[in-house]
Protein backbone atom coordinates (compact mmCIF):
# COMPACT_ATOMS: atom_id res chain seq x y z
CA MET A 1 -17.76 30.72 6.54
CA ARG A 2 -18.13 32.93 9.57
CA ARG A 3 -15.43 35.52 10.25
CA PHE A 4 -14.15 36.46 13.64
CA ILE A 5 -12.94 40.04 13.18
CA ILE A 6 -11.33 41.61 16.23
CA LEU A 7 -10.92 45.30 17.00
CA SER A 8 -7.27 45.37 16.03
CA LEU A 9 -8.24 44.45 12.49
CA LEU A 10 -10.74 47.29 12.37
CA ALA A 11 -8.03 49.64 13.52
CA THR A 12 -5.82 48.35 10.71
CA CYS A 13 -8.61 49.08 8.23
CA ALA A 14 -8.81 52.65 9.43
CA LEU A 15 -5.08 53.12 8.81
CA SER A 16 -4.83 51.45 5.44
CA LEU A 17 -7.64 50.18 3.23
CA ASN A 18 -5.27 48.13 1.05
CA SER A 19 -3.63 46.33 3.97
CA CYS A 20 -7.09 45.68 5.45
CA ASP A 21 -8.24 43.97 2.26
CA LYS A 22 -5.18 41.73 2.28
CA LEU A 23 -5.48 40.96 5.97
CA ILE A 24 -9.13 40.03 5.71
CA THR A 25 -8.31 37.78 2.74
CA TYR A 26 -5.84 35.82 4.86
CA TYR A 27 -7.76 36.02 8.13
CA ASP A 28 -9.28 32.58 7.69
CA ILE A 29 -11.01 32.04 11.04
CA ASP A 30 -14.27 30.19 11.45
CA THR A 31 -15.95 31.47 14.55
CA GLU A 32 -17.27 34.72 15.88
CA ALA A 33 -16.01 36.14 19.16
CA ASN A 34 -17.68 34.40 22.13
CA ALA A 35 -20.32 32.87 19.82
CA PHE A 36 -20.48 29.52 21.63
CA GLN A 37 -19.27 30.43 25.10
CA ASN A 38 -22.53 29.21 26.63
CA GLN A 39 -22.31 25.76 25.00
CA THR A 40 -20.01 22.85 25.68
CA ILE A 41 -18.18 21.15 22.80
CA LEU A 42 -20.60 18.21 22.89
CA GLU A 43 -23.68 20.42 23.09
CA TYR A 44 -22.63 22.33 20.00
CA PHE A 45 -21.62 19.41 17.77
CA GLU A 46 -24.48 17.17 18.90
CA SER A 47 -27.02 19.92 18.17
CA GLY A 48 -26.87 19.17 14.45
CA VAL A 49 -25.61 22.62 13.49
CA ASP A 50 -22.31 21.10 12.36
CA PRO A 51 -22.75 17.36 11.56
CA ASN A 52 -19.10 16.83 10.60
CA CYS A 53 -17.93 15.83 14.09
CA THR A 54 -20.50 13.26 15.22
CA ASP A 55 -17.91 10.46 15.42
CA PHE A 56 -15.82 12.59 17.77
CA CYS A 57 -18.79 13.15 20.07
CA GLN A 58 -19.57 9.45 20.16
CA ALA A 59 -15.91 8.59 20.78
CA ILE A 60 -15.66 11.08 23.66
CA ARG A 61 -18.67 9.50 25.37
CA LEU A 62 -17.39 5.94 24.83
CA ALA A 63 -14.01 7.03 26.23
CA LYS A 64 -15.73 8.70 29.21
CA LEU A 65 -13.86 11.94 28.57
CA GLU A 66 -16.86 14.30 28.80
CA SER A 67 -15.60 16.00 31.95
CA GLU A 68 -12.13 16.47 30.47
CA ILE A 69 -13.37 18.46 27.48
CA GLU A 70 -15.60 20.58 29.73
CA ALA A 71 -13.07 21.22 32.51
CA GLY A 72 -12.13 24.67 31.25
CA ASN A 73 -9.02 26.56 30.17
CA ARG A 74 -7.97 23.85 27.78
CA THR A 75 -7.56 23.41 24.04
CA CYS A 76 -9.08 20.36 22.34
CA ILE A 77 -8.13 19.10 18.89
CA ILE A 78 -11.33 17.70 17.35
CA PRO A 79 -10.93 15.11 14.54
CA ASN A 80 -13.90 15.32 12.17
CA ASN A 81 -15.71 12.38 10.59
CA ASP A 82 -13.21 12.13 7.70
CA ALA A 83 -10.36 11.86 10.20
CA PHE A 84 -12.17 9.11 12.08
CA ALA A 85 -13.00 7.25 8.87
CA ALA A 86 -9.34 7.11 7.90
CA TYR A 87 -8.30 6.05 11.41
CA LEU A 88 -10.97 3.34 11.63
CA SER A 89 -9.92 1.93 8.27
CA GLN A 90 -6.29 1.84 9.38
CA ALA A 91 -7.20 0.35 12.76
CA GLY A 92 -9.48 -2.32 11.31
CA TYR A 93 -12.78 -1.24 12.88
CA ALA A 94 -16.02 -0.80 10.95
CA SER A 95 -17.39 1.95 13.22
CA VAL A 96 -16.54 4.01 16.29
CA ASP A 97 -18.78 2.00 18.60
CA LEU A 98 -16.69 -1.14 17.91
CA VAL A 99 -13.48 0.48 19.19
CA PRO A 100 -12.69 -0.37 22.84
CA GLY A 101 -13.36 2.59 25.10
CA ALA A 102 -9.88 2.32 26.62
CA LEU A 103 -8.32 2.65 23.17
CA LEU A 104 -10.45 5.73 22.41
CA ARG A 105 -9.48 7.23 25.76
CA ASP A 106 -5.81 6.72 25.01
CA LEU A 107 -6.20 8.14 21.50
CA LEU A 108 -8.26 11.22 22.38
CA SER A 109 -6.52 12.16 25.63
CA TYR A 110 -3.51 12.99 23.45
CA LEU A 111 -5.59 15.76 21.85
CA ILE A 112 -6.50 17.64 25.05
CA PHE A 113 -4.00 20.00 26.68
CA PRO A 114 -3.99 23.09 28.91
CA GLY A 115 -4.03 26.66 27.62
CA ASP A 116 -5.85 29.03 25.27
CA PHE A 117 -4.40 28.35 21.82
CA ARG A 118 -6.20 30.37 19.17
CA SER A 119 -4.68 32.02 16.12
CA THR A 120 -5.19 35.41 17.73
CA THR A 121 -3.21 34.42 20.85
CA MET A 122 -0.23 32.82 19.07
CA GLU A 123 2.77 34.49 17.46
CA PRO A 124 3.34 33.76 13.75
CA GLY A 125 5.79 30.92 13.17
CA VAL A 126 5.94 29.80 16.80
CA ASN A 127 5.24 26.18 17.75
CA TYR A 128 3.94 25.95 21.30
CA ARG A 129 4.85 22.69 23.04
CA GLN A 130 2.34 21.41 25.58
CA THR A 131 1.95 18.19 27.54
CA SER A 132 -1.24 16.43 26.57
CA LEU A 133 -3.67 14.86 29.02
CA ARG A 134 -2.06 11.53 28.06
CA GLY A 135 1.38 12.81 29.01
CA ASP A 136 2.95 13.11 25.54
CA SER A 137 4.21 16.27 23.86
CA ILE A 138 1.87 17.93 21.39
CA PHE A 139 2.68 21.03 19.37
CA ILE A 140 0.30 23.73 18.15
CA GLY A 141 1.25 26.82 16.20
CA ARG A 142 0.28 29.45 13.72
CA SER A 143 1.50 29.92 10.16
CA ALA A 144 4.82 31.74 9.87
CA ASN A 145 3.17 34.25 7.53
CA ALA A 146 2.24 37.24 9.71
CA GLN A 147 -0.88 37.79 7.59
CA SER A 148 -2.05 34.16 7.71
CA TYR A 149 -3.94 32.95 10.75
CA ARG A 150 -3.97 29.28 9.78
CA VAL A 151 -3.34 26.94 12.74
CA VAL A 152 -1.33 23.68 12.53
CA VAL A 153 -0.74 20.75 14.88
CA ASN A 154 2.61 18.92 15.28
CA SER A 155 4.28 21.04 12.62
CA VAL A 156 7.78 20.26 13.86
CA TYR A 157 10.79 18.41 12.51
CA HIS A 158 10.26 14.65 12.17
CA MET A 159 6.52 14.83 13.00
CA GLU A 160 3.58 14.78 10.63
CA SER A 161 1.92 18.19 10.39
CA VAL A 162 -1.89 18.42 10.49
CA THR A 163 -3.63 21.60 9.33
CA VAL A 164 -6.64 22.84 11.28
CA THR A 165 -9.67 23.11 8.98
CA GLN A 166 -12.21 24.77 11.33
CA GLN A 167 -10.54 26.88 13.95
CA ASP A 168 -10.75 29.08 17.01
CA TYR A 169 -14.02 27.86 18.51
CA LEU A 170 -14.53 29.38 21.97
CA PHE A 171 -16.80 27.16 24.07
CA LYS A 172 -18.09 27.19 27.62
CA ASN A 173 -15.51 27.33 30.43
CA ASN A 174 -13.00 28.87 28.04
CA MET A 175 -12.56 25.62 26.13
CA ILE A 176 -10.95 26.13 22.73
CA GLY A 177 -11.84 23.82 19.84
CA GLN A 178 -9.69 23.26 16.73
CA VAL A 179 -11.15 20.87 14.11
CA VAL A 180 -8.88 18.73 11.92
CA ASP A 181 -9.63 16.33 9.06
CA LYS A 182 -6.73 13.98 9.86
CA MET A 183 -6.11 12.21 13.15
CA PRO A 184 -3.03 13.68 14.85
CA LEU A 185 -0.89 10.81 16.13
CA TYR A 186 2.18 10.98 18.30
CA LYS A 187 4.52 9.71 15.61
CA VAL A 188 8.15 10.65 15.13
CA GLU A 189 10.14 9.73 12.05
CA LEU A 190 12.84 7.22 12.98
CA PRO A 191 15.71 5.61 11.01
CA ALA A 192 14.52 2.90 8.67
CA THR A 193 15.60 -0.72 8.90
CA ASP A 194 18.71 -1.34 6.80
CA SER A 195 18.52 -3.45 3.67
CA VAL A 196 20.11 -6.87 3.59
CA PRO A 197 23.67 -6.31 2.29
CA ASP A 198 24.20 -7.19 -1.37
CA GLY A 199 25.42 -10.72 -1.81
CA TYR A 200 24.50 -11.83 1.70
CA GLU A 201 23.14 -15.38 1.82
CA PRO A 202 21.95 -16.61 5.23
CA GLU A 203 22.78 -20.17 6.10
CA GLY A 204 19.86 -22.55 6.14
CA ALA A 205 17.22 -20.04 4.94
CA ARG A 206 14.73 -21.39 2.41
CA THR A 207 13.01 -19.33 -0.24
CA ASP A 208 10.09 -19.94 -2.56
CA THR A 209 8.20 -17.91 -5.15
CA ILE A 210 4.54 -17.52 -6.11
CA ASP A 211 4.01 -16.30 -9.67
CA VAL A 212 1.18 -13.94 -10.46
CA SER A 213 -1.83 -15.72 -11.94
CA ASP A 214 -3.37 -15.21 -15.36
CA ASP A 215 -5.68 -12.57 -13.88
CA THR A 216 -4.22 -9.07 -14.00
CA SER A 217 -6.02 -5.94 -15.06
CA ILE A 218 -6.02 -2.17 -15.36
CA CYS A 219 -9.09 -0.28 -14.20
CA VAL A 220 -9.46 3.34 -15.28
CA TYR A 221 -11.63 6.13 -13.90
CA GLY A 222 -12.67 8.91 -16.26
CA SER A 223 -14.25 8.73 -19.69
CA GLN A 224 -13.47 5.00 -19.97
CA LYS A 225 -15.04 3.68 -16.77
CA ALA A 226 -16.90 0.95 -18.66
CA LYS A 227 -13.93 -0.19 -20.77
CA ASN A 228 -11.91 -3.31 -20.06
CA PHE A 229 -8.11 -2.99 -20.25
CA ASN A 230 -6.96 -6.59 -19.91
CA ASN A 231 -3.98 -7.78 -21.98
CA HIS A 232 -2.75 -4.22 -22.32
CA ASN A 233 0.50 -3.89 -24.23
CA TYR A 234 2.01 -1.78 -21.49
CA GLY A 235 1.54 -4.28 -18.68
CA ILE A 236 -0.01 -2.91 -15.48
CA ARG A 237 -0.27 0.86 -15.21
CA THR A 238 -0.90 3.08 -12.22
CA ILE A 239 -1.82 6.69 -13.00
CA TYR A 240 -2.75 9.50 -10.64
CA ARG A 241 -3.89 12.66 -12.38
CA SER A 242 -6.59 15.24 -12.03
CA GLY A 243 -9.81 13.50 -13.04
CA TYR A 244 -8.00 10.40 -14.31
CA TYR A 245 -7.02 7.41 -12.19
CA SER A 246 -5.87 3.93 -13.04
CA TYR A 247 -5.28 1.04 -10.66
CA GLY A 248 -3.46 -2.19 -11.36
CA MET A 249 -5.00 -5.41 -10.07
CA MET A 250 -3.16 -8.70 -9.45
CA ARG A 251 -4.20 -12.12 -8.26
CA PHE A 252 -1.86 -14.72 -6.75
CA PRO A 253 -2.65 -18.37 -5.96
CA LEU A 254 -1.69 -19.41 -2.44
CA PRO A 255 -0.05 -22.84 -2.53
CA GLU A 256 0.46 -24.94 0.57
CA THR A 257 3.91 -24.34 2.01
CA ASP A 258 5.49 -24.98 5.39
CA LEU A 259 7.38 -21.70 5.04
CA VAL A 260 4.27 -19.92 6.30
CA GLU A 261 4.70 -21.23 9.86
CA ASN A 262 7.84 -19.16 10.45
CA LEU A 263 7.71 -16.83 7.48
CA VAL A 264 10.33 -14.11 7.81
CA SER A 265 9.40 -12.11 4.75
CA ALA A 266 6.92 -12.01 1.86
CA GLN A 267 7.91 -9.50 -0.79
CA LEU A 268 5.81 -8.53 -3.80
CA VAL A 269 8.47 -8.16 -6.50
CA MET A 270 7.74 -6.11 -9.62
CA ASN A 271 9.61 -4.75 -12.62
CA VAL A 272 8.91 -1.07 -13.28
CA PHE A 273 9.93 -0.57 -16.90
CA GLN A 274 8.61 2.91 -17.59
CA LEU A 275 7.71 6.01 -15.59
CA GLY A 276 5.79 9.10 -16.61
CA LYS A 277 7.67 12.06 -18.03
CA THR A 278 7.53 13.84 -14.66
CA TYR A 279 9.91 11.25 -13.23
CA THR A 280 13.48 12.33 -13.87
CA GLU A 281 16.49 10.40 -12.65
CA GLY A 282 16.78 10.61 -8.87
CA THR A 283 13.09 11.41 -8.35
CA THR A 284 11.52 9.66 -5.35
CA CYS A 285 8.62 7.46 -6.44
CA LYS A 286 6.09 5.69 -4.23
CA LEU A 287 4.02 2.61 -4.96
CA LEU A 288 1.13 1.58 -2.70
CA VAL A 289 -0.20 -1.98 -2.48
CA HIS A 290 -3.72 -2.45 -1.10
CA GLU A 291 -5.80 -5.46 -0.13
CA ALA A 292 -8.96 -5.98 -2.12
CA ASN A 293 -12.26 -5.13 -0.51
CA SER A 294 -13.95 -8.28 0.75
CA ALA A 295 -17.01 -7.39 -1.34
CA VAL A 296 -15.07 -7.90 -4.57
CA TRP A 297 -12.23 -10.15 -3.46
CA ASN A 298 -11.86 -12.95 -6.02
CA GLN A 299 -15.01 -11.70 -7.79
CA TRP A 300 -13.25 -10.40 -10.90
CA THR A 301 -11.32 -11.67 -13.90
CA GLU A 302 -9.11 -9.83 -16.33
CA THR A 303 -11.71 -10.14 -19.07
CA THR A 304 -14.59 -8.71 -17.01
CA ALA A 305 -13.08 -6.13 -14.66
CA THR A 306 -13.93 -2.50 -15.39
CA TRP A 307 -14.14 0.53 -13.16
CA ASN A 308 -17.95 0.36 -13.17
CA SER A 309 -18.12 -3.40 -12.60
CA ILE A 310 -15.56 -3.80 -9.85
CA VAL A 311 -13.56 -0.77 -8.73
CA VAL A 312 -16.49 1.30 -7.48
CA ASP A 313 -17.07 -1.41 -4.88
CA LEU A 314 -13.38 -2.04 -4.36
CA LEU A 315 -12.75 1.61 -3.51
CA GLY A 316 -15.83 2.10 -1.37
CA ASN A 317 -17.38 4.47 -3.95
CA LYS A 318 -14.53 6.96 -3.56
CA HIS A 319 -12.07 6.93 -6.43
CA THR A 320 -9.58 9.15 -4.60
CA THR A 321 -9.17 6.91 -1.56
CA LEU A 322 -8.71 3.18 -1.21
CA ARG A 323 -10.94 2.41 1.74
CA ASP A 324 -9.42 -0.92 2.72
CA ALA A 325 -6.20 -1.72 4.50
CA ALA A 326 -2.91 -0.99 2.82
CA ALA A 327 -0.85 -4.16 2.51
CA GLY A 328 2.40 -2.22 2.12
CA GLU A 329 4.27 0.48 0.26
CA CYS A 330 7.72 1.22 -1.07
CA SER A 331 9.65 4.30 -2.10
CA PHE A 332 12.45 4.15 -4.66
CA LEU A 333 14.64 6.51 -6.65
CA SER A 334 13.93 6.65 -10.35
CA ALA A 335 16.82 5.59 -12.54
CA GLY A 336 15.15 7.45 -15.41
CA PRO A 337 11.76 7.49 -17.16
CA ALA A 338 12.45 4.42 -19.32
CA THR A 339 14.87 2.36 -17.23
CA ASP A 340 13.92 -1.04 -15.84
CA GLN A 341 13.93 -1.23 -12.03
CA ILE A 342 13.15 -4.19 -9.81
CA ILE A 343 11.21 -3.01 -6.75
CA SER A 344 9.61 -4.90 -3.89
CA VAL A 345 6.95 -4.25 -1.26
CA ASP A 346 6.77 -6.07 2.09
CA ILE A 347 3.35 -7.78 2.31
CA THR A 348 4.24 -10.29 5.05
CA ALA A 349 1.44 -9.47 7.52
CA SER A 350 -1.15 -9.24 4.77
CA LEU A 351 -0.21 -12.56 3.18
CA LEU A 352 -0.21 -14.38 6.52
CA LYS A 353 -3.70 -13.05 7.16
CA TYR A 354 -4.96 -14.69 3.98
CA TYR A 355 -3.20 -17.95 4.82
CA ASP A 356 -4.96 -17.86 8.21
CA ARG A 357 -8.26 -17.71 6.31
CA ASP A 358 -7.32 -20.78 4.24
CA SER A 359 -7.68 -18.66 1.11
CA THR A 360 -7.08 -20.07 -2.34
CA TYR A 361 -6.14 -16.73 -3.86
CA VAL A 362 -5.14 -13.27 -2.71
CA ASP A 363 -5.92 -10.07 -4.64
CA TYR A 364 -3.82 -6.91 -4.51
CA ILE A 365 -4.40 -3.48 -5.99
CA LEU A 366 -1.55 -1.18 -6.98
CA SER A 367 -1.75 2.61 -6.92
CA ASP A 368 0.70 5.42 -7.45
CA GLY A 369 1.24 7.29 -4.19
CA SER A 370 3.83 9.75 -5.48
CA ALA A 371 1.56 12.71 -6.22
CA LYS A 372 -1.81 14.14 -5.30
CA ALA A 373 -4.71 14.48 -7.68
CA GLY A 374 -4.62 17.79 -9.49
CA GLY A 375 -0.85 17.72 -9.87
CA SER A 376 1.08 17.54 -13.11
CA GLY A 377 0.40 13.82 -13.31
CA THR A 378 2.34 10.64 -12.62
CA GLU A 379 2.43 7.21 -14.16
CA MET A 380 4.14 3.88 -13.54
CA ARG A 381 4.13 0.89 -15.86
CA MET A 382 4.97 -2.56 -14.56
CA LYS A 383 5.77 -5.59 -16.65
CA ASP A 384 3.22 -8.27 -16.13
CA LYS A 385 1.49 -11.27 -17.62
CA ASP A 386 0.56 -11.82 -21.25
CA TYR A 387 2.64 -9.07 -22.87
CA TYR A 388 5.43 -9.57 -20.32
CA LYS A 389 4.85 -13.08 -19.02
CA PHE A 390 4.99 -13.65 -15.25
CA THR A 391 7.43 -10.94 -14.25
CA SER A 392 5.69 -10.15 -10.94
CA TYR A 393 5.90 -12.65 -8.11
CA ILE A 394 5.83 -13.04 -4.34
CA LEU A 395 9.14 -14.04 -2.80
CA LEU A 396 8.79 -16.06 0.41
CA THR A 397 11.78 -16.24 2.75
CA GLY A 398 12.10 -18.56 5.72
CA PRO A 399 14.36 -17.98 8.71
CA SER A 400 17.93 -18.72 9.46
CA GLU A 401 19.04 -18.77 13.09
CA SER A 402 19.59 -15.27 14.45
CA PRO A 403 22.62 -14.39 16.62
CA LEU A 404 20.30 -12.19 18.74
CA THR A 405 19.49 -13.38 22.26
CA ILE A 406 16.91 -12.44 24.89
CA GLY A 407 18.62 -10.70 27.78
CA TYR A 408 15.59 -10.45 30.06
CA ASN A 409 11.78 -10.63 29.94
CA ASN A 410 9.96 -8.84 32.76
CA PRO A 411 6.18 -8.72 33.31
CA LEU A 412 4.38 -5.69 31.86
CA VAL A 413 2.44 -4.03 34.68
CA VAL A 414 -0.70 -2.17 33.57
CA ALA A 415 -3.21 -0.42 35.79
CA PRO A 416 -6.89 -1.23 35.10
CA GLY A 417 -8.36 0.93 32.35
CA TYR A 418 -5.03 2.45 31.36
CA SER A 419 -2.32 2.09 28.77
CA THR A 420 1.33 1.33 29.46
CA VAL A 421 4.34 1.75 27.23
CA PHE A 422 5.89 -1.56 26.20
CA ASP A 423 9.61 -0.81 26.06
CA GLN A 424 13.08 -2.15 26.88
CA ASN A 425 12.25 -2.15 30.59
CA THR A 426 10.09 -5.20 29.85
CA LEU A 427 12.04 -6.91 27.06
CA GLY A 428 15.79 -6.77 26.55
CA ILE A 429 17.29 -8.04 23.29
CA GLU A 430 21.04 -8.41 23.04
CA ALA A 431 23.18 -8.25 19.93
CA PRO A 432 26.08 -10.70 19.51
CA ALA A 433 29.32 -9.73 21.25
CA ASP A 434 31.10 -9.86 17.89
CA PRO A 435 28.65 -8.73 15.18
CA GLY A 436 31.33 -8.70 12.50
CA GLU A 437 30.40 -6.44 9.60
CA PHE A 438 26.70 -6.43 10.46
CA ASP A 439 24.66 -3.82 12.31
CA PHE A 440 22.31 -5.13 15.00
CA SER A 441 21.26 -1.70 16.29
CA PRO A 442 17.62 -1.26 17.42
CA GLN A 443 16.24 -0.24 14.01
CA ASN A 444 17.56 -3.54 12.62
CA ILE A 445 15.80 -5.72 15.19
CA ILE A 446 12.23 -6.51 14.19
CA LEU A 447 9.44 -7.85 16.38
CA GLN A 448 6.33 -9.55 14.99
CA LEU A 449 3.12 -9.80 17.00
CA SER A 450 2.36 -13.49 16.51
CA ASP A 451 -0.30 -13.99 19.23
CA LEU A 452 -2.69 -11.18 20.24
CA PRO A 453 -3.57 -10.37 23.86
CA SER A 454 -7.12 -11.28 24.95
CA LYS A 455 -7.79 -8.43 27.40
CA GLY A 456 -6.26 -5.50 25.61
CA VAL A 457 -4.70 -4.30 22.36
CA ILE A 458 -1.14 -3.53 21.31
CA THR A 459 -0.83 -0.20 19.53
CA LEU A 460 1.90 1.39 17.43
CA TYR A 461 1.58 5.18 17.19
CA GLY A 462 -1.94 4.85 18.58
CA VAL A 463 -3.11 2.38 15.91
CA PRO A 464 -3.89 -1.23 16.96
CA LEU A 465 -1.48 -3.82 15.64
CA GLN A 466 -3.05 -6.81 13.92
CA LYS A 467 -1.75 -10.35 14.11
CA ASN A 468 1.61 -10.78 12.35
CA GLN A 469 2.27 -7.06 12.01
CA LYS A 470 5.81 -5.91 12.72
CA PHE A 471 7.55 -3.07 14.50
CA THR A 472 11.18 -2.34 15.27
CA TYR A 473 12.93 -2.57 18.60
CA LEU A 474 13.77 1.10 18.12
CA GLU A 475 10.07 2.01 17.92
CA MET A 476 9.50 -0.05 21.04
CA SER A 477 12.42 1.48 22.96
CA LYS A 478 11.25 5.01 22.06
CA GLY A 479 7.88 4.35 23.70
CA PHE A 480 5.67 4.20 20.59
CA VAL A 481 4.36 0.70 21.33
CA LYS A 482 1.70 0.40 24.04
CA TYR A 483 -0.50 -2.17 25.70
CA VAL A 484 -3.98 -0.66 26.16
CA ARG A 485 -6.03 -2.61 28.70
CA SER A 486 -9.71 -3.16 27.91
CA GLU A 487 -10.46 -5.80 30.60
CA THR A 488 -9.09 -6.52 34.06
CA GLY A 489 -7.02 -9.59 34.82
CA ALA A 490 -3.80 -11.24 33.76
CA ASP A 491 -3.02 -11.32 30.06
CA GLU A 492 -0.25 -12.25 27.64
CA PHE A 493 0.86 -11.82 24.05
CA LYS A 494 3.62 -13.45 22.03
CA LEU A 495 6.30 -12.10 19.75
CA LYS A 496 8.71 -13.45 17.19
CA VAL A 497 12.09 -11.72 17.09
CA PHE A 498 13.94 -11.25 13.79
CA ASP A 499 17.04 -9.44 12.64
CA TYR A 500 17.34 -7.50 9.39
CA LEU A 501 19.33 -10.39 7.86
CA ASN A 502 16.19 -12.58 7.97
CA GLY A 503 17.42 -14.45 11.03
CA MET A 504 14.94 -15.46 13.75
CA ILE A 505 15.23 -16.42 17.40
CA PRO A 506 13.83 -19.99 17.35
CA GLU A 507 11.36 -19.68 20.25
CA LYS A 508 8.51 -17.18 20.54
CA VAL A 509 8.78 -14.67 23.37
CA THR A 510 5.78 -14.62 25.73
CA ILE A 511 5.10 -11.24 27.38
CA THR A 512 2.98 -11.54 30.53
CA VAL A 513 0.73 -8.66 31.54
CA GLN A 514 -0.15 -8.03 35.18
């Protein structure tokens, strides 16, 4: 790694050899002074010297932002290929060239902002707030440690911090480049939707259950990659340790049911009966549920599935990252290492997708998201078929009639080639005049995208929403939902409106786009 050592550091060396050694150890900067000042960002990364940012270069050209990253006196956050791979997987695109240019422009214009922000120009511990080219706030700062020159993006309360991995590039026209391996998104933590109160039973709501099939399995990475773990006495296990991973696999039949037409909720319900020794009472645990890769979907059985035979394909050849879409996740507080707990994960959008495909079965993969590889180790055990017969199931819930009403529905006006926030100026939802003991505040009003637009995409935090995905009215009112136009002309999309009590407004809401 190249070091960019400035004169002040040399002066420090002259004063104190020991402090110089420590400072150089922490002075983790990638570029030499003025090394690339005669090259633009695209010229450098497209030259082949650093092949880790080719997706960014392609995205910039598709978004027609070349002039913006060459304009001068700006800082540009540059997501590398790993960052783009994770974003594309989340957004549902196979490659950068399949993403609409307008969406890329909206995404990347958030990462360009005025000013010279290098570690050497920023004070330790200060977060500098700038307005991005897109118009949203973006924060850049330097580590609070006076001897560390590590740069971070959006390291502020309620936002997800992204650490810069290759930093302080100085390009032509005084353009500063900071490379990250995770896509910075304008995403603020908001209050979660409340749970349905204990004992509440909505009038007229139907429920149904789908039991897990006979096919469940554990697949282990490590010394036992070729071993089959079906019918294990401990049910389904998920383990995440250094060099040792295990994923639980479940298959559910999809029966015909008229609940699917207006499905309010599909919950994957599981019984966690034992946690690893690192889970003490009150510890926050996380379980992730993933959709199976189409290459192996329905191509396994409990008696044949091993890591080598199925999971290598299922995980896209990377055992540390599930490459396909996450169906859902849940966090829960441990009641103790060996205490039964019923937990559930919302898989509504995922399940509806498989019903749309007229699928006979749906496969899900469980993984432990509570710790990173290399940690002290985590483990969850869930009761499941054979040893614990049919204790996992999908709970389907239909709607009751919601007391919410539509106050107004105005057209959404979008200029050609631009994005527009979809907020309460377009759609007004009113709570009942007398809500009783219930809370119909914005985080407890849920909207489901039931019909996609044809000439644009709807995004949440910069990521395209797929059919049947949900967001809250609070997220919408805060400006995190956008319509990004990809074609000119009138357009429309449709929403279903729910409340947190599983009530639904009977008619879909049609949003017209002008």
